[in-house]
Structures are given as structure tokens and as C-alpha cells.
Amino acid sequence: MTPNIKLIRIKDVIDTTGLARLTIYKYVDKGIFPKAVKLGSRSVAWVESEVQEWILERIAQRDGTVTECL
């Protein structure tokens, strides 16, 4: 059975995270944000569950559950 995977575009990533477009791409380059999935020559999207997991990790850091920093 195939998992229900949803891809979201940059506008949704911005809306979900509150980050600016440039910040998202900077974090991807630094390896601290999920990589995008290439859909075409000029089109990318992110796996929604990976973005949600990234947000949960930020919350855990805030709450002191995780000691890793950005």
C-alpha cells in the first residue's frame, strides 16, 4: 500500500512556516530544512510531512526537549 504523500509548493511552505522564500532556500542550502522535490525544469515542491516534522523539531527545541540549535 502506498503512503498518502502530499507535495506542497513554495507559497504553502511560506504560509505554513512563516519563513521568507529566501530564508527557506538558504536553510535548504545549509541542510537545516527539508530539500525540495524537483517536479520539472523550473518547478519544485516539498513533502508536507517533512515540513511539518521540521516545525515540530523547532517546537521541541523551544521547549527544551531537543538541545540541537540552528
N, C-alpha and C. Protein backbone atom coordinates (compact mmCIF):
# COMPACT_ATOMS: atom_id res chain seq x y z
N MET A 1 0.85 -1.19 0.00
CA MET A 1 0.00 0.00 0.00
C MET A 1 0.89 1.25 0.00
N THR A 2 0.60 2.17 -0.86
CA THR A 2 1.38 3.40 -0.99
C THR A 2 0.94 4.41 0.06
N PRO A 3 1.91 5.04 0.75
CA PRO A 3 1.55 6.05 1.74
C PRO A 3 0.94 7.27 1.06
N ASN A 4 0.13 7.99 1.80
CA ASN A 4 -0.50 9.20 1.27
C ASN A 4 0.46 10.36 1.43
N ILE A 5 1.23 10.64 0.38
CA ILE A 5 2.22 11.70 0.40
C ILE A 5 1.68 12.91 -0.34
N LYS A 6 1.78 14.07 0.31
CA LYS A 6 1.30 15.30 -0.30
C LYS A 6 2.47 16.25 -0.52
N LEU A 7 2.58 16.78 -1.74
CA LEU A 7 3.60 17.77 -2.06
C LEU A 7 2.98 19.15 -1.98
N ILE A 8 3.74 20.09 -1.41
CA ILE A 8 3.24 21.46 -1.32
C ILE A 8 4.24 22.40 -1.99
N ARG A 9 3.73 23.45 -2.58
CA ARG A 9 4.54 24.41 -3.31
C ARG A 9 5.06 25.48 -2.37
N ILE A 10 5.97 26.32 -2.86
CA ILE A 10 6.66 27.30 -2.03
C ILE A 10 5.70 28.22 -1.29
N LYS A 11 4.61 28.63 -1.92
CA LYS A 11 3.66 29.52 -1.25
C LYS A 11 3.09 28.86 0.01
N ASP A 12 2.78 27.58 -0.09
CA ASP A 12 2.26 26.85 1.07
C ASP A 12 3.32 26.67 2.14
N VAL A 13 4.58 26.46 1.71
CA VAL A 13 5.67 26.34 2.68
C VAL A 13 5.85 27.66 3.42
N ILE A 14 5.79 28.76 2.70
CA ILE A 14 5.90 30.09 3.32
C ILE A 14 4.75 30.30 4.30
N ASP A 15 3.54 29.98 3.88
CA ASP A 15 2.36 30.16 4.74
C ASP A 15 2.44 29.27 5.97
N THR A 16 2.94 28.05 5.81
CA THR A 16 2.99 27.08 6.90
C THR A 16 4.07 27.43 7.92
N THR A 17 5.24 27.85 7.44
CA THR A 17 6.37 28.08 8.33
C THR A 17 6.49 29.52 8.80
N GLY A 18 5.97 30.46 8.03
CA GLY A 18 6.16 31.87 8.35
C GLY A 18 7.52 32.39 7.90
N LEU A 19 8.29 31.55 7.22
CA LEU A 19 9.60 31.95 6.72
C LEU A 19 9.48 32.62 5.37
N ALA A 20 10.45 33.48 5.05
CA ALA A 20 10.52 34.10 3.74
C ALA A 20 11.08 33.10 2.73
N ARG A 21 10.78 33.31 1.47
CA ARG A 21 11.27 32.44 0.40
C ARG A 21 12.80 32.31 0.45
N LEU A 22 13.49 33.43 0.56
CA LEU A 22 14.95 33.42 0.59
C LEU A 22 15.47 32.62 1.79
N THR A 23 14.84 32.76 2.93
CA THR A 23 15.25 32.03 4.13
C THR A 23 15.07 30.53 3.94
N ILE A 24 13.98 30.12 3.33
CA ILE A 24 13.74 28.70 3.07
C ILE A 24 14.86 28.12 2.22
N TYR A 25 15.19 28.79 1.12
CA TYR A 25 16.24 28.29 0.24
C TYR A 25 17.61 28.34 0.92
N LYS A 26 17.86 29.35 1.75
CA LYS A 26 19.11 29.42 2.50
C LYS A 26 19.22 28.26 3.48
N TYR A 27 18.13 27.95 4.18
CA TYR A 27 18.11 26.82 5.12
C TYR A 27 18.29 25.49 4.39
N VAL A 28 17.70 25.36 3.21
CA VAL A 28 17.88 24.13 2.41
C VAL A 28 19.36 23.99 2.05
N ASP A 29 19.98 25.07 1.61
CA ASP A 29 21.40 25.03 1.24
C ASP A 29 22.28 24.66 2.43
N LYS A 30 21.90 25.10 3.63
CA LYS A 30 22.67 24.80 4.85
C LYS A 30 22.35 23.41 5.41
N GLY A 31 21.33 22.76 4.84
CA GLY A 31 20.96 21.42 5.29
C GLY A 31 20.11 21.40 6.55
N ILE A 32 19.47 22.53 6.88
CA ILE A 32 18.65 22.59 8.08
C ILE A 32 17.15 22.69 7.78
N PHE A 33 16.80 22.51 6.52
CA PHE A 33 15.39 22.49 6.11
C PHE A 33 15.26 21.40 5.07
N PRO A 34 14.12 20.72 5.02
CA PRO A 34 13.95 19.63 4.03
C PRO A 34 14.22 20.09 2.60
N LYS A 35 14.82 19.22 1.83
CA LYS A 35 15.09 19.51 0.42
C LYS A 35 13.80 19.43 -0.38
N ALA A 36 13.76 20.23 -1.43
CA ALA A 36 12.61 20.22 -2.33
C ALA A 36 12.72 19.03 -3.29
N VAL A 37 11.58 18.64 -3.81
CA VAL A 37 11.48 17.60 -4.84
C VAL A 37 11.32 18.30 -6.18
N LYS A 38 12.19 18.00 -7.12
CA LYS A 38 12.12 18.63 -8.43
C LYS A 38 10.97 18.02 -9.23
N LEU A 39 10.07 18.89 -9.70
CA LEU A 39 8.91 18.43 -10.46
C LEU A 39 9.08 18.65 -11.95
N GLY A 40 9.89 19.62 -12.29
CA GLY A 40 10.13 19.96 -13.69
C GLY A 40 11.35 20.84 -13.76
N SER A 41 11.59 21.43 -14.93
CA SER A 41 12.81 22.22 -15.11
C SER A 41 12.82 23.46 -14.22
N ARG A 42 11.65 24.02 -13.91
CA ARG A 42 11.59 25.21 -13.06
C ARG A 42 10.53 25.08 -11.97
N SER A 43 10.28 23.87 -11.54
CA SER A 43 9.20 23.65 -10.59
C SER A 43 9.65 22.68 -9.50
N VAL A 44 9.46 23.10 -8.24
CA VAL A 44 9.78 22.24 -7.10
C VAL A 44 8.64 22.26 -6.10
N ALA A 45 8.65 21.27 -5.22
CA ALA A 45 7.66 21.20 -4.14
C ALA A 45 8.33 20.49 -2.97
N TRP A 46 7.71 20.60 -1.82
CA TRP A 46 8.22 19.95 -0.61
C TRP A 46 7.23 18.90 -0.14
N VAL A 47 7.75 17.86 0.51
CA VAL A 47 6.90 16.84 1.10
C VAL A 47 6.31 17.46 2.37
N GLU A 48 4.99 17.54 2.41
CA GLU A 48 4.31 18.23 3.51
C GLU A 48 4.69 17.66 4.87
N SER A 49 4.77 16.34 4.98
CA SER A 49 5.09 15.72 6.27
C SER A 49 6.50 16.07 6.74
N GLU A 50 7.43 16.27 5.81
CA GLU A 50 8.80 16.67 6.18
C GLU A 50 8.82 18.10 6.72
N VAL A 51 8.03 18.97 6.12
CA VAL A 51 7.93 20.35 6.59
C VAL A 51 7.28 20.37 7.97
N GLN A 52 6.23 19.58 8.16
CA GLN A 52 5.57 19.50 9.46
C GLN A 52 6.54 18.98 10.53
N GLU A 53 7.33 17.98 10.18
CA GLU A 53 8.32 17.42 11.12
C GLU A 53 9.36 18.48 11.49
N TRP A 54 9.78 19.28 10.53
CA TRP A 54 10.74 20.36 10.78
C TRP A 54 10.15 21.35 11.79
N ILE A 55 8.87 21.68 11.62
CA ILE A 55 8.20 22.60 12.56
C ILE A 55 8.15 21.97 13.95
N LEU A 56 7.81 20.70 14.04
CA LEU A 56 7.76 20.02 15.34
C LEU A 56 9.14 20.01 16.02
N GLU A 57 10.19 19.88 15.24
CA GLU A 57 11.55 19.93 15.80
C GLU A 57 11.85 21.32 16.37
N ARG A 58 11.40 22.37 15.70
CA ARG A 58 11.60 23.74 16.21
C ARG A 58 10.86 23.92 17.54
N ILE A 59 9.66 23.35 17.62
CA ILE A 59 8.88 23.44 18.86
C ILE A 59 9.59 22.69 19.98
N ALA A 60 10.13 21.51 19.67
CA ALA A 60 10.85 20.74 20.67
C ALA A 60 12.08 21.50 21.16
N GLN A 61 12.77 22.18 20.25
CA GLN A 61 13.92 22.99 20.65
C GLN A 61 13.48 24.12 21.58
N ARG A 62 12.39 24.75 21.25
CA ARG A 62 11.87 25.84 22.08
C ARG A 62 11.55 25.35 23.48
N ASP A 63 10.97 24.16 23.55
CA ASP A 63 10.54 23.61 24.84
C ASP A 63 11.67 22.94 25.60
N GLY A 64 12.86 22.93 25.01
CA GLY A 64 14.00 22.33 25.67
C GLY A 64 14.05 20.83 25.58
N THR A 65 13.21 20.24 24.75
CA THR A 65 13.18 18.80 24.58
C THR A 65 14.38 18.34 23.74
N VAL A 66 14.85 19.20 22.85
CA VAL A 66 15.98 18.91 21.98
C VAL A 66 17.03 20.00 22.20
N THR A 67 18.30 19.65 22.24
CA THR A 67 19.34 20.62 22.51
C THR A 67 20.01 21.14 21.25
N GLU A 68 19.73 20.55 20.09
CA GLU A 68 20.35 20.96 18.83
C GLU A 68 19.87 22.36 18.45
N CYS A 69 20.77 23.20 17.93
CA CYS A 69 20.44 24.56 17.52
C CYS A 69 20.55 24.70 16.02
N LEU A 70 19.93 25.76 15.48
CA LEU A 70 20.01 26.04 14.04
C LEU A 70 21.39 26.47 13.64
